[in-house]
Each structure stands twice: as structure tokens, then as C-alpha cells.
Amino acid sequence: MNAEPKKSKRFNYKRVIIILVSVVALIFLIQPIFMTRCGGEGHDRARTLSNTKQIGLALFEFEGDYGSYPDAETAKDVTDAFPDHGYNLSGNSSNALFLQLFSSGIVRSEEIFYSKIKDSQKPDGVITPGEALQKGEVGFSYIYGLTSKDDPLTPLILTPLIPGTTKFDPKPFNGKAIIYFINNNAHIYEIDEDGHVYIEGIDILSSKHPVWKGRAPDISYPE
């Protein structure tokens, strides 16, 4: 009596490929539905958080080279080191201060400075002098006059801060704010009904918060 033929134990690659293709197709099918339901806010917030971290790392490198984060003194130091950089480093806006990251050669892309705030626009990618970080291409506020020796929990980069105020705009990220600290950590926080972010029970941008040691933060806003 003949034994029953054994079934082949060979791995069925064709079946695995079909399954993988089906999974990928399903992801592409449901992604637009998910993004529509979320209003794209989750995606925008995640992208902004990533950009915040990249700016923070660039600032950390800059501070290591020049002794502080971008300010009026480091603008002179950068120009001494790169006399032919061609960028206009004058001004107190975050646009002007972030330009020092370009003139020093640390950053070569505008994309990381984008945050979907009011009146913002996606950078066009042109980083030549006079074109880089033009009005509307920066979505982050910046705390002026800090070094890594300050309190590690001191905010360094913030969005979406309303220009000229210490209040956050709740509209861009569905009531959330993103703050990057000197300790190289970035976090997402709830904005209260008055536009403030409370950390340890105190408005983080109030001079009463311990990190400021009684002085008000010197905020540079985007143009």
C-alpha cells in the first residue's frame, strides 16, 4: 500500500508577498480617512515636534561652538569666523537669530523651521543670503540670552506662541503647545483657556516660575 504523499514544507513566498501588498494597500486606503477625521492636526503636531527637536540639536551644537545660543555677540563671532557668509544677522526676531545656524554652516535646510501657525508659509527651500528664513517661513519663538548653564528645565523654543504675548494660540494644534527645553527634551502641553501652559503649577512664561529666577523671559518672535 502506497503511503500518502507528504505535503511540501517549502516557504510560500508568493503568499507572503500578497499579504504584505494587501497590508500596505490597506494602510494607504485608511490613512486619508484617518487624517480627515483628525483634521490633519495629529500629523502637523508630530511634524512640528520633530522640527523642534532638530532645531534644538542645531542650537546645542551652535552653543558648543560659540559659548551661548544665538544672540548679538555670537552674530559677531560667526561673522569673524565666516566673514563671507553674506547673511544679514541683524535684528531680534527668531528668523534673524536662527540665520546664525545657516551662516555658521550648522544648518542647510529651511524645512525644520516650519510650524503651521497663523500667517506661516512652508519654506521654499532657497537658503541663499537674503532668501533664507524670510517672513512667514519660521514658526517658532525663541528665548534670547540663554546658555546650557541655565536651568535645564528652561524653555528654549516654543510654538505656537502669539507674537508679542506670553500666550499660546490653541488653534494650530488642537489646544496643544510644543516646548523644547535646554536639557534637549521637547514635550507637548495642554494650553489652558487663557492661553497659558502650566508646568509645576505655574505659568511657564511667568517671571514667577523658578526657572527664570525672577526675571521675565526675553522672547524673540518669528516675523
N, C-alpha and C. Protein backbone atom coordinates (compact mmCIF):
# COMPACT_ATOMS: atom_id res chain seq x y z
N MET A 1 0.84 -1.20 0.00
CA MET A 1 0.00 0.00 0.00
C MET A 1 0.87 1.25 0.00
N ASN A 2 0.60 2.13 -0.94
CA ASN A 2 1.41 3.36 -1.08
C ASN A 2 1.09 4.35 0.03
N ALA A 3 2.14 4.91 0.58
CA ALA A 3 1.96 5.94 1.63
C ALA A 3 1.43 7.23 1.01
N GLU A 4 0.67 8.00 1.80
CA GLU A 4 0.11 9.26 1.32
C GLU A 4 1.23 10.26 1.08
N PRO A 5 1.25 10.89 -0.07
CA PRO A 5 2.33 11.84 -0.37
C PRO A 5 2.41 12.92 0.69
N LYS A 6 3.66 13.24 1.08
CA LYS A 6 3.86 14.31 2.07
C LYS A 6 3.66 15.67 1.44
N LYS A 7 3.03 16.54 2.19
CA LYS A 7 2.83 17.92 1.71
C LYS A 7 4.14 18.67 1.74
N SER A 8 4.34 19.55 0.77
CA SER A 8 5.58 20.33 0.67
C SER A 8 5.68 21.31 1.83
N LYS A 9 6.88 21.37 2.45
CA LYS A 9 7.12 22.29 3.55
C LYS A 9 7.84 23.55 3.09
N ARG A 10 7.96 23.74 1.77
CA ARG A 10 8.64 24.92 1.26
C ARG A 10 7.88 26.20 1.65
N PHE A 11 8.62 27.22 2.00
CA PHE A 11 8.02 28.50 2.41
C PHE A 11 7.34 29.14 1.20
N ASN A 12 6.10 29.54 1.37
CA ASN A 12 5.33 30.11 0.28
C ASN A 12 5.57 31.62 0.21
N TYR A 13 6.64 32.03 -0.49
CA TYR A 13 6.99 33.45 -0.59
C TYR A 13 5.91 34.24 -1.31
N LYS A 14 5.29 33.63 -2.31
CA LYS A 14 4.27 34.33 -3.07
C LYS A 14 3.11 34.74 -2.18
N ARG A 15 2.70 33.86 -1.27
CA ARG A 15 1.60 34.18 -0.37
C ARG A 15 1.98 35.32 0.58
N VAL A 16 3.22 35.30 1.08
CA VAL A 16 3.68 36.36 1.99
C VAL A 16 3.69 37.70 1.27
N ILE A 17 4.16 37.72 0.03
CA ILE A 17 4.21 38.96 -0.74
C ILE A 17 2.81 39.52 -0.95
N ILE A 18 1.86 38.64 -1.25
CA ILE A 18 0.48 39.07 -1.46
C ILE A 18 -0.08 39.69 -0.18
N ILE A 19 0.23 39.06 0.97
CA ILE A 19 -0.25 39.58 2.25
C ILE A 19 0.34 40.95 2.53
N LEU A 20 1.65 41.11 2.31
CA LEU A 20 2.32 42.39 2.56
C LEU A 20 1.77 43.49 1.67
N VAL A 21 1.56 43.16 0.39
CA VAL A 21 1.00 44.14 -0.54
C VAL A 21 -0.41 44.55 -0.09
N SER A 22 -1.18 43.60 0.39
CA SER A 22 -2.54 43.89 0.85
C SER A 22 -2.52 44.80 2.07
N VAL A 23 -1.57 44.56 2.99
CA VAL A 23 -1.47 45.38 4.20
C VAL A 23 -1.10 46.81 3.83
N VAL A 24 -0.11 46.97 2.94
CA VAL A 24 0.31 48.30 2.51
C VAL A 24 -0.84 49.04 1.83
N ALA A 25 -1.55 48.32 0.97
CA ALA A 25 -2.69 48.93 0.28
C ALA A 25 -3.75 49.38 1.28
N LEU A 26 -3.97 48.56 2.32
CA LEU A 26 -4.96 48.91 3.33
C LEU A 26 -4.54 50.17 4.10
N ILE A 27 -3.25 50.27 4.39
CA ILE A 27 -2.74 51.45 5.09
C ILE A 27 -2.99 52.70 4.26
N PHE A 28 -2.66 52.65 2.98
CA PHE A 28 -2.88 53.80 2.10
C PHE A 28 -4.35 54.12 1.95
N LEU A 29 -5.20 53.10 2.08
CA LEU A 29 -6.63 53.31 1.94
C LEU A 29 -7.22 54.03 3.16
N ILE A 30 -6.78 53.61 4.36
CA ILE A 30 -7.38 54.18 5.58
C ILE A 30 -6.69 55.47 6.02
N GLN A 31 -5.45 55.74 5.55
CA GLN A 31 -4.76 56.94 6.01
C GLN A 31 -5.52 58.22 5.69
N PRO A 32 -6.02 58.41 4.46
CA PRO A 32 -6.78 59.64 4.18
C PRO A 32 -8.01 59.79 5.07
N ILE A 33 -8.67 58.64 5.38
CA ILE A 33 -9.86 58.68 6.23
C ILE A 33 -9.46 59.13 7.63
N PHE A 34 -8.37 58.55 8.13
CA PHE A 34 -7.89 58.92 9.48
C PHE A 34 -7.50 60.38 9.54
N MET A 35 -6.76 60.85 8.53
CA MET A 35 -6.30 62.24 8.52
C MET A 35 -7.48 63.20 8.41
N THR A 36 -8.51 62.81 7.66
CA THR A 36 -9.68 63.66 7.54
C THR A 36 -10.39 63.79 8.87
N ARG A 37 -10.55 62.66 9.56
CA ARG A 37 -11.24 62.68 10.85
C ARG A 37 -10.46 63.48 11.89
N CYS A 38 -9.13 63.42 11.80
CA CYS A 38 -8.29 64.15 12.77
C CYS A 38 -8.02 65.58 12.34
N GLY A 39 -8.49 65.93 11.15
CA GLY A 39 -8.26 67.27 10.64
C GLY A 39 -6.79 67.53 10.33
N GLY A 40 -5.97 66.48 10.24
CA GLY A 40 -4.56 66.64 9.96
C GLY A 40 -3.78 67.19 11.14
N GLU A 41 -4.46 67.44 12.27
CA GLU A 41 -3.80 68.09 13.40
C GLU A 41 -2.73 67.20 14.02
N GLY A 42 -3.01 65.90 14.11
CA GLY A 42 -2.03 64.98 14.68
C GLY A 42 -0.76 64.93 13.84
N HIS A 43 -0.94 64.91 12.54
CA HIS A 43 0.21 64.88 11.62
C HIS A 43 1.01 66.18 11.74
N ASP A 44 0.33 67.31 11.75
CA ASP A 44 1.02 68.60 11.86
C ASP A 44 1.78 68.71 13.17
N ARG A 45 1.17 68.24 14.23
CA ARG A 45 1.81 68.32 15.54
C ARG A 45 3.04 67.42 15.60
N ALA A 46 2.94 66.23 15.04
CA ALA A 46 4.08 65.30 15.05
C ALA A 46 5.24 65.87 14.23
N ARG A 47 4.90 66.45 13.09
CA ARG A 47 5.94 67.04 12.25
C ARG A 47 6.59 68.22 12.95
N THR A 48 5.79 69.03 13.62
CA THR A 48 6.33 70.19 14.33
C THR A 48 7.21 69.76 15.50
N LEU A 49 6.80 68.72 16.19
CA LEU A 49 7.61 68.20 17.29
C LEU A 49 8.97 67.73 16.77
N SER A 50 8.96 67.05 15.63
CA SER A 50 10.21 66.60 15.03
C SER A 50 11.09 67.80 14.64
N ASN A 51 10.47 68.82 14.04
CA ASN A 51 11.22 70.02 13.66
C ASN A 51 11.82 70.70 14.88
N THR A 52 11.03 70.75 15.97
CA THR A 52 11.51 71.37 17.20
C THR A 52 12.79 70.69 17.69
N LYS A 53 12.78 69.37 17.67
CA LYS A 53 13.95 68.62 18.14
C LYS A 53 15.16 68.86 17.25
N GLN A 54 14.94 68.98 15.94
CA GLN A 54 16.06 69.22 15.03
C GLN A 54 16.66 70.60 15.24
N ILE A 55 15.79 71.60 15.44
CA ILE A 55 16.31 72.95 15.75
C ILE A 55 17.08 72.91 17.06
N GLY A 56 16.53 72.24 18.05
CA GLY A 56 17.18 72.16 19.34
C GLY A 56 18.57 71.54 19.26
N LEU A 57 18.72 70.48 18.49
CA LEU A 57 20.03 69.85 18.33
C LEU A 57 21.00 70.78 17.63
N ALA A 58 20.51 71.54 16.65
CA ALA A 58 21.36 72.52 15.95
C ALA A 58 21.81 73.62 16.91
N LEU A 59 20.91 74.07 17.76
CA LEU A 59 21.24 75.10 18.75
C LEU A 59 22.24 74.56 19.77
N PHE A 60 22.10 73.29 20.13
CA PHE A 60 23.03 72.67 21.06
C PHE A 60 24.44 72.64 20.47
N GLU A 61 24.53 72.29 19.19
CA GLU A 61 25.83 72.29 18.52
C GLU A 61 26.40 73.70 18.43
N PHE A 62 25.53 74.66 18.10
CA PHE A 62 25.96 76.05 18.00
C PHE A 62 26.50 76.54 19.34
N GLU A 63 25.79 76.24 20.42
CA GLU A 63 26.20 76.67 21.75
C GLU A 63 27.55 76.06 22.12
N GLY A 64 27.78 74.84 21.69
CA GLY A 64 29.07 74.20 21.94
C GLY A 64 30.21 74.91 21.23
N ASP A 65 29.92 75.47 20.05
CA ASP A 65 30.95 76.16 19.27
C ASP A 65 31.18 77.60 19.72
N TYR A 66 30.11 78.28 20.14
CA TYR A 66 30.19 79.72 20.39
C TYR A 66 29.92 80.14 21.83
N GLY A 67 29.64 79.20 22.71
CA GLY A 67 29.51 79.51 24.12
C GLY A 67 28.14 79.93 24.59
N SER A 68 27.23 80.20 23.69
CA SER A 68 25.85 80.53 24.03
C SER A 68 24.99 80.28 22.82
N TYR A 69 23.70 80.31 23.04
CA TYR A 69 22.80 80.20 21.91
C TYR A 69 22.80 81.53 21.14
N PRO A 70 22.30 81.55 19.90
CA PRO A 70 22.41 82.76 19.08
C PRO A 70 21.94 84.04 19.77
N ASP A 71 22.80 85.05 19.77
CA ASP A 71 22.47 86.38 20.28
C ASP A 71 23.33 87.40 19.54
N ALA A 72 23.33 88.63 20.00
CA ALA A 72 24.06 89.69 19.29
C ALA A 72 25.57 89.43 19.30
N GLU A 73 26.09 88.89 20.39
CA GLU A 73 27.52 88.62 20.49
C GLU A 73 27.95 87.48 19.58
N THR A 74 27.15 86.42 19.54
CA THR A 74 27.53 85.30 18.68
C THR A 74 27.41 85.68 17.20
N ALA A 75 26.54 86.65 16.88
CA ALA A 75 26.46 87.13 15.49
C ALA A 75 27.81 87.69 15.05
N LYS A 76 28.47 88.39 15.95
CA LYS A 76 29.80 88.93 15.65
C LYS A 76 30.82 87.81 15.54
N ASP A 77 30.71 86.83 16.43
CA ASP A 77 31.65 85.71 16.42
C ASP A 77 31.53 84.89 15.13
N VAL A 78 30.30 84.67 14.71
CA VAL A 78 30.07 83.92 13.47
C VAL A 78 30.64 84.67 12.28
N THR A 79 30.43 85.97 12.25
CA THR A 79 30.94 86.79 11.14
C THR A 79 32.47 86.81 11.14
N ASP A 80 33.08 86.82 12.32
CA ASP A 80 34.54 86.75 12.40
C ASP A 80 35.04 85.41 11.87
N ALA A 81 34.30 84.35 12.18
CA ALA A 81 34.71 83.02 11.74
C ALA A 81 34.41 82.77 10.26
N PHE A 82 33.32 83.37 9.78
CA PHE A 82 32.91 83.20 8.38
C PHE A 82 32.61 84.57 7.78
N PRO A 83 33.65 85.35 7.51
CA PRO A 83 33.44 86.74 7.06
C PRO A 83 32.70 86.88 5.73
N ASP A 84 32.64 85.82 4.97
CA ASP A 84 32.00 85.90 3.65
C ASP A 84 30.65 85.19 3.62
N HIS A 85 30.03 84.97 4.79
CA HIS A 85 28.78 84.21 4.80
C HIS A 85 27.64 84.93 4.08
N GLY A 86 27.60 86.25 4.10
CA GLY A 86 26.62 87.01 3.32
C GLY A 86 25.25 87.17 3.94
N TYR A 87 24.98 86.52 5.08
CA TYR A 87 23.65 86.63 5.71
C TYR A 87 23.56 87.89 6.56
N ASN A 88 22.37 88.48 6.58
CA ASN A 88 22.12 89.64 7.43
C ASN A 88 21.69 89.14 8.81
N LEU A 89 22.58 89.26 9.78
CA LEU A 89 22.31 88.71 11.10
C LEU A 89 21.78 89.75 12.08
N SER A 90 21.42 90.92 11.59
CA SER A 90 20.88 91.96 12.47
C SER A 90 19.41 91.68 12.76
N GLY A 91 18.93 92.19 13.88
CA GLY A 91 17.53 92.02 14.24
C GLY A 91 17.36 91.07 15.40
N ASN A 92 16.21 91.16 16.06
CA ASN A 92 15.93 90.34 17.24
C ASN A 92 14.84 89.31 17.02
N SER A 93 14.35 89.17 15.80
CA SER A 93 13.33 88.15 15.54
C SER A 93 13.98 86.76 15.58
N SER A 94 13.17 85.75 15.76
CA SER A 94 13.71 84.40 15.72
C SER A 94 14.24 84.07 14.33
N ASN A 95 13.64 84.67 13.30
CA ASN A 95 14.17 84.48 11.94
C ASN A 95 15.63 84.89 11.87
N ALA A 96 15.91 86.12 12.35
CA ALA A 96 17.28 86.66 12.27
C ALA A 96 18.25 85.84 13.12
N LEU A 97 17.81 85.43 14.30
CA LEU A 97 18.70 84.68 15.18
C LEU A 97 18.96 83.27 14.66
N PHE A 98 17.94 82.63 14.09
CA PHE A 98 18.14 81.31 13.52
C PHE A 98 19.04 81.34 12.28
N LEU A 99 19.14 82.51 11.64
CA LEU A 99 20.03 82.62 10.48
C LEU A 99 21.48 82.34 10.85
N GLN A 100 21.82 82.54 12.11
CA GLN A 100 23.18 82.25 12.55
C GLN A 100 23.52 80.76 12.39
N LEU A 101 22.50 79.93 12.42
CA LEU A 101 22.71 78.50 12.21
C LEU A 101 23.09 78.20 10.76
N PHE A 102 22.61 79.05 9.85
CA PHE A 102 22.99 78.92 8.44
C PHE A 102 24.39 79.49 8.20
N SER A 103 24.62 80.69 8.71
CA SER A 103 25.89 81.37 8.46
C SER A 103 27.07 80.61 9.07
N SER A 104 26.81 79.83 10.12
CA SER A 104 27.87 79.04 10.74
C SER A 104 28.02 77.67 10.08
N GLY A 105 27.14 77.35 9.15
CA GLY A 105 27.22 76.08 8.43
C GLY A 105 26.62 74.90 9.16
N ILE A 106 25.95 75.13 10.28
CA ILE A 106 25.38 74.03 11.06
C ILE A 106 24.09 73.51 10.43
N VAL A 107 23.30 74.39 9.83
CA VAL A 107 22.02 74.02 9.22
C VAL A 107 22.06 74.37 7.73
N ARG A 108 21.48 73.48 6.91
CA ARG A 108 21.43 73.73 5.46
C ARG A 108 20.03 73.51 4.90
N SER A 109 19.02 73.56 5.75
CA SER A 109 17.65 73.36 5.28
C SER A 109 16.70 74.26 6.05
N GLU A 110 15.74 74.85 5.34
CA GLU A 110 14.72 75.69 5.97
C GLU A 110 13.58 74.88 6.56
N GLU A 111 13.42 73.66 6.10
CA GLU A 111 12.23 72.88 6.43
C GLU A 111 12.01 72.72 7.93
N ILE A 112 13.09 72.61 8.69
CA ILE A 112 12.93 72.34 10.12
C ILE A 112 12.36 73.54 10.89
N PHE A 113 12.34 74.71 10.27
CA PHE A 113 11.85 75.91 10.96
C PHE A 113 10.35 76.15 10.73
N TYR A 114 9.72 75.24 10.00
CA TYR A 114 8.30 75.40 9.70
C TYR A 114 7.43 74.87 10.83
N SER A 115 6.43 75.65 11.19
CA SER A 115 5.38 75.23 12.11
C SER A 115 4.09 75.88 11.62
N LYS A 116 3.04 75.11 11.58
CA LYS A 116 1.79 75.59 11.00
C LYS A 116 1.07 76.54 11.95
N ILE A 117 1.61 77.75 12.06
CA ILE A 117 1.00 78.78 12.90
C ILE A 117 0.30 79.80 12.01
N LYS A 118 -0.38 80.76 12.62
CA LYS A 118 -1.08 81.78 11.86
C LYS A 118 -0.11 82.56 10.99
N ASP A 119 -0.48 82.78 9.74
CA ASP A 119 0.29 83.55 8.76
C ASP A 119 1.61 82.90 8.36
N SER A 120 1.79 81.62 8.68
CA SER A 120 3.03 80.95 8.27
C SER A 120 2.89 80.42 6.85
N GLN A 121 4.02 80.13 6.26
CA GLN A 121 4.05 79.52 4.93
C GLN A 121 5.20 78.52 4.88
N LYS A 122 5.03 77.49 4.10
CA LYS A 122 6.09 76.48 4.00
C LYS A 122 7.32 77.10 3.33
N PRO A 123 8.50 76.89 3.90
CA PRO A 123 9.72 77.42 3.31
C PRO A 123 9.90 76.94 1.88
N ASP A 124 10.46 77.82 1.04
CA ASP A 124 10.65 77.47 -0.37
C ASP A 124 11.94 76.72 -0.63
N GLY A 125 12.76 76.53 0.41
CA GLY A 125 13.99 75.77 0.25
C GLY A 125 15.17 76.56 -0.24
N VAL A 126 14.97 77.83 -0.53
CA VAL A 126 16.08 78.67 -1.01
C VAL A 126 16.80 79.24 0.21
N ILE A 127 18.08 78.90 0.37
CA ILE A 127 18.79 79.28 1.59
C ILE A 127 19.95 80.24 1.32
N THR A 128 19.93 80.87 0.17
CA THR A 128 20.97 81.85 -0.13
C THR A 128 20.74 83.11 0.70
N PRO A 129 21.79 83.91 0.93
CA PRO A 129 21.62 85.15 1.69
C PRO A 129 20.53 86.03 1.10
N GLY A 130 19.66 86.54 1.96
CA GLY A 130 18.55 87.37 1.52
C GLY A 130 17.30 86.58 1.21
N GLU A 131 17.43 85.25 1.10
CA GLU A 131 16.28 84.40 0.77
C GLU A 131 15.94 83.43 1.90
N ALA A 132 16.92 83.05 2.68
CA ALA A 132 16.68 82.06 3.75
C ALA A 132 15.85 82.66 4.88
N LEU A 133 14.92 81.88 5.38
CA LEU A 133 14.08 82.23 6.53
C LEU A 133 13.43 83.61 6.39
N GLN A 134 12.77 83.79 5.25
CA GLN A 134 12.05 85.04 5.04
C GLN A 134 10.79 85.08 5.91
N LYS A 135 10.13 86.23 5.91
CA LYS A 135 8.93 86.42 6.70
C LYS A 135 7.91 85.32 6.42
N GLY A 136 7.41 84.71 7.47
CA GLY A 136 6.42 83.64 7.35
C GLY A 136 7.02 82.25 7.29
N GLU A 137 8.33 82.14 7.11
CA GLU A 137 8.96 80.82 6.96
C GLU A 137 9.46 80.24 8.29
N VAL A 138 9.29 80.97 9.36
CA VAL A 138 9.67 80.48 10.70
C VAL A 138 8.42 80.44 11.57
N GLY A 139 8.21 79.32 12.24
CA GLY A 139 7.02 79.18 13.07
C GLY A 139 7.30 79.02 14.55
N PHE A 140 8.55 79.30 14.95
CA PHE A 140 8.95 79.08 16.33
C PHE A 140 9.42 80.37 16.99
N SER A 141 9.02 80.56 18.24
CA SER A 141 9.57 81.62 19.07
C SER A 141 10.80 81.06 19.79
N TYR A 142 11.66 81.96 20.24
CA TYR A 142 12.96 81.58 20.78
C TYR A 142 13.27 82.44 21.99
N ILE A 143 13.79 81.83 23.06
CA ILE A 143 14.14 82.58 24.26
C ILE A 143 15.57 83.08 24.12
N TYR A 144 15.71 84.38 24.14
CA TYR A 144 17.01 85.04 23.91
C TYR A 144 17.85 85.06 25.19
N GLY A 145 19.17 84.94 25.01
CA GLY A 145 20.10 85.18 26.11
C GLY A 145 20.39 84.00 27.00
N LEU A 146 20.19 82.77 26.53
CA LEU A 146 20.41 81.59 27.36
C LEU A 146 21.69 80.85 26.97
N THR A 147 22.19 80.05 27.90
CA THR A 147 23.28 79.12 27.64
C THR A 147 22.92 77.79 28.27
N SER A 148 23.71 76.78 27.99
CA SER A 148 23.43 75.46 28.56
C SER A 148 23.67 75.42 30.07
N LYS A 149 24.25 76.48 30.63
CA LYS A 149 24.48 76.55 32.07
C LYS A 149 23.23 77.00 32.84
N ASP A 150 22.24 77.48 32.13
CA ASP A 150 21.00 77.87 32.78
C ASP A 150 20.25 76.62 33.25
N ASP A 151 19.18 76.84 33.99
CA ASP A 151 18.37 75.74 34.49
C ASP A 151 18.00 74.80 33.34
N PRO A 152 18.28 73.51 33.45
CA PRO A 152 17.98 72.56 32.36
C PRO A 152 16.52 72.54 31.94
N LEU A 153 15.62 72.96 32.82
CA LEU A 153 14.19 72.94 32.52
C LEU A 153 13.70 74.28 31.98
N THR A 154 14.65 75.12 31.52
CA THR A 154 14.29 76.40 30.93
C THR A 154 13.86 76.21 29.48
N PRO A 155 12.71 76.74 29.09
CA PRO A 155 12.30 76.65 27.68
C PRO A 155 13.27 77.41 26.76
N LEU A 156 13.50 76.86 25.58
CA LEU A 156 14.37 77.50 24.60
C LEU A 156 13.61 77.81 23.30
N ILE A 157 12.76 76.89 22.87
CA ILE A 157 11.98 77.04 21.65
C ILE A 157 10.52 76.75 21.96
N LEU A 158 9.62 77.56 21.40
CA LEU A 158 8.20 77.40 21.71
C LEU A 158 7.34 77.63 20.46
N THR A 159 6.24 76.92 20.40
CA THR A 159 5.24 77.14 19.36
C THR A 159 3.92 76.55 19.81
N PRO A 160 2.77 77.08 19.45
CA PRO A 160 2.52 78.30 18.66
C PRO A 160 2.26 79.50 19.58
N LEU A 161 3.27 80.27 19.85
CA LEU A 161 3.14 81.43 20.72
C LEU A 161 2.59 82.62 19.92
N ILE A 162 1.66 83.35 20.51
CA ILE A 162 1.08 84.52 19.84
C ILE A 162 2.09 85.66 19.91
N PRO A 163 2.53 86.20 18.78
CA PRO A 163 3.56 87.25 18.78
C PRO A 163 3.23 88.42 19.69
N GLY A 164 4.21 88.86 20.45
CA GLY A 164 4.04 89.99 21.34
C GLY A 164 3.41 89.66 22.67
N THR A 165 3.12 88.38 22.91
CA THR A 165 2.45 87.98 24.15
C THR A 165 3.18 86.78 24.75
N THR A 166 2.70 86.37 25.92
CA THR A 166 3.17 85.12 26.53
C THR A 166 2.07 84.06 26.48
N LYS A 167 1.15 84.24 25.54
CA LYS A 167 0.03 83.31 25.38
C LYS A 167 0.21 82.46 24.14
N PHE A 168 -0.22 81.22 24.24
CA PHE A 168 -0.17 80.29 23.12
C PHE A 168 -1.50 80.31 22.38
N ASP A 169 -1.41 80.11 21.07
CA ASP A 169 -2.60 80.04 20.23
C ASP A 169 -3.11 78.60 20.22
N PRO A 170 -4.32 78.34 20.68
CA PRO A 170 -4.81 76.96 20.76
C PRO A 170 -5.26 76.37 19.41
N LYS A 171 -5.35 77.21 18.39
CA LYS A 171 -5.94 76.75 17.12
C LYS A 171 -5.05 75.81 16.30
N PRO A 172 -3.77 76.09 16.10
CA PRO A 172 -2.99 75.26 15.18
C PRO A 172 -2.92 73.78 15.53
N PHE A 173 -2.77 73.44 16.83
CA PHE A 173 -2.55 72.06 17.22
C PHE A 173 -3.59 71.54 18.21
N ASN A 174 -4.82 71.98 17.99
CA ASN A 174 -5.94 71.48 18.78
C ASN A 174 -5.71 71.62 20.28
N GLY A 175 -5.35 72.84 20.67
CA GLY A 175 -5.19 73.12 22.10
C GLY A 175 -3.88 72.69 22.71
N LYS A 176 -2.89 72.37 21.88
CA LYS A 176 -1.61 71.90 22.38
C LYS A 176 -0.49 72.89 22.05
N ALA A 177 0.53 72.91 22.90
CA ALA A 177 1.74 73.70 22.66
C ALA A 177 2.94 72.77 22.69
N ILE A 178 3.99 73.14 21.98
CA ILE A 178 5.22 72.36 21.96
C ILE A 178 6.35 73.22 22.51
N ILE A 179 7.06 72.69 23.48
CA ILE A 179 8.15 73.42 24.12
C ILE A 179 9.40 72.55 24.15
N TYR A 180 10.52 73.16 23.73
CA TYR A 180 11.82 72.49 23.77
C TYR A 180 12.66 73.14 24.87
N PHE A 181 13.27 72.31 25.71
CA PHE A 181 13.99 72.80 26.87
C PHE A 181 15.51 72.68 26.69
N ILE A 182 16.24 73.39 27.53
CA ILE A 182 17.70 73.37 27.46
C ILE A 182 18.27 71.96 27.67
N ASN A 183 17.54 71.11 28.38
CA ASN A 183 18.02 69.75 28.61
C ASN A 183 17.84 68.84 27.38
N ASN A 184 17.51 69.46 26.24
CA ASN A 184 17.37 68.75 24.96
C ASN A 184 16.17 67.80 24.92
N ASN A 185 15.13 68.16 25.65
CA ASN A 185 13.88 67.42 25.60
C ASN A 185 12.76 68.33 25.10
N ALA A 186 11.88 67.77 24.31
CA ALA A 186 10.72 68.51 23.81
C ALA A 186 9.45 67.80 24.27
N HIS A 187 8.46 68.59 24.67
CA HIS A 187 7.21 68.00 25.17
C HIS A 187 6.00 68.76 24.63
N ILE A 188 4.88 68.05 24.60
CA ILE A 188 3.60 68.63 24.18
C ILE A 188 2.77 68.91 25.44
N TYR A 189 2.21 70.11 25.51
CA TYR A 189 1.45 70.51 26.69
C TYR A 189 0.07 71.02 26.31
N GLU A 190 -0.86 70.90 27.25
CA GLU A 190 -2.19 71.46 27.09
C GLU A 190 -2.13 72.98 27.31
N ILE A 191 -2.83 73.71 26.47
CA ILE A 191 -2.96 75.16 26.64
C ILE A 191 -4.25 75.41 27.41
N ASP A 192 -4.18 76.18 28.49
CA ASP A 192 -5.39 76.42 29.27
C ASP A 192 -6.28 77.45 28.56
N GLU A 193 -7.45 77.69 29.13
CA GLU A 193 -8.45 78.55 28.48
C GLU A 193 -7.97 80.00 28.33
N ASP A 194 -6.96 80.39 29.08
CA ASP A 194 -6.43 81.74 28.98
C ASP A 194 -5.19 81.83 28.09
N GLY A 195 -4.80 80.70 27.50
CA GLY A 195 -3.67 80.70 26.57
C GLY A 195 -2.33 80.40 27.21
N HIS A 196 -2.34 79.92 28.44
CA HIS A 196 -1.08 79.66 29.14
C HIS A 196 -0.80 78.16 29.25
N VAL A 197 0.49 77.85 29.42
CA VAL A 197 0.91 76.48 29.71
C VAL A 197 1.46 76.45 31.13
N TYR A 198 0.91 75.59 31.95
CA TYR A 198 1.34 75.49 33.34
C TYR A 198 2.23 74.27 33.53
N ILE A 199 3.40 74.52 34.12
CA ILE A 199 4.33 73.46 34.46
C ILE A 199 4.68 73.61 35.93
N GLU A 200 4.49 72.54 36.69
CA GLU A 200 4.66 72.58 38.14
C GLU A 200 3.71 73.61 38.77
N GLY A 201 2.54 73.77 38.16
CA GLY A 201 1.51 74.63 38.72
C GLY A 201 1.68 76.11 38.48
N ILE A 202 2.68 76.49 37.66
CA ILE A 202 2.94 77.91 37.39
C ILE A 202 3.06 78.12 35.89
N ASP A 203 2.53 79.24 35.41
CA ASP A 203 2.66 79.60 34.00
C ASP A 203 4.14 79.58 33.64
N ILE A 204 4.52 78.77 32.66
CA ILE A 204 5.94 78.58 32.34
C ILE A 204 6.59 79.86 31.82
N LEU A 205 5.82 80.81 31.31
CA LEU A 205 6.40 82.05 30.80
C LEU A 205 6.23 83.22 31.77
N SER A 206 5.80 82.93 32.98
CA SER A 206 5.70 83.95 34.01
C SER A 206 7.04 84.11 34.72
N SER A 207 7.40 85.34 35.07
CA SER A 207 8.63 85.58 35.81
C SER A 207 8.59 84.90 37.18
N LYS A 208 7.41 84.49 37.62
CA LYS A 208 7.26 83.81 38.90
C LYS A 208 7.72 82.36 38.85
N HIS A 209 7.87 81.82 37.62
CA HIS A 209 8.33 80.44 37.55
C HIS A 209 9.81 80.38 37.93
N PRO A 210 10.19 79.39 38.74
CA PRO A 210 11.56 79.32 39.26
C PRO A 210 12.67 79.34 38.21
N VAL A 211 12.39 78.82 37.01
CA VAL A 211 13.46 78.74 36.01
C VAL A 211 13.97 80.11 35.57
N TRP A 212 13.14 81.15 35.76
CA TRP A 212 13.52 82.49 35.30
C TRP A 212 14.21 83.32 36.38
N LYS A 213 14.23 82.79 37.60
CA LYS A 213 14.91 83.46 38.71
C LYS A 213 14.46 84.91 38.88
N GLY A 214 13.16 85.13 38.71
CA GLY A 214 12.58 86.44 38.96
C GLY A 214 12.59 87.40 37.79
N ARG A 215 13.20 87.03 36.69
CA ARG A 215 13.22 87.91 35.52
C ARG A 215 12.25 87.37 34.47
N ALA A 216 11.71 88.26 33.68
CA ALA A 216 10.80 87.83 32.61
C ALA A 216 11.62 87.27 31.45
N PRO A 217 11.16 86.21 30.81
CA PRO A 217 11.88 85.67 29.65
C PRO A 217 11.93 86.66 28.50
N ASP A 218 13.07 86.74 27.84
CA ASP A 218 13.25 87.63 26.69
C ASP A 218 12.90 86.82 25.44
N ILE A 219 11.70 87.05 24.92
CA ILE A 219 11.19 86.21 23.82
C ILE A 219 11.41 86.87 22.47
N SER A 220 12.00 86.12 21.56
CA SER A 220 12.14 86.56 20.17
C SER A 220 11.07 85.84 19.34
N TYR A 221 10.21 86.62 18.71
CA TYR A 221 9.09 86.04 17.95
C TYR A 221 9.44 85.95 16.46
N PRO A 222 8.78 85.03 15.76
CA PRO A 222 9.01 84.96 14.32
C PRO A 222 8.38 86.14 13.57
N GLU A 223 8.96 86.47 12.43
CA GLU A 223 8.40 87.52 11.59
C GLU A 223 7.26 86.95 10.74
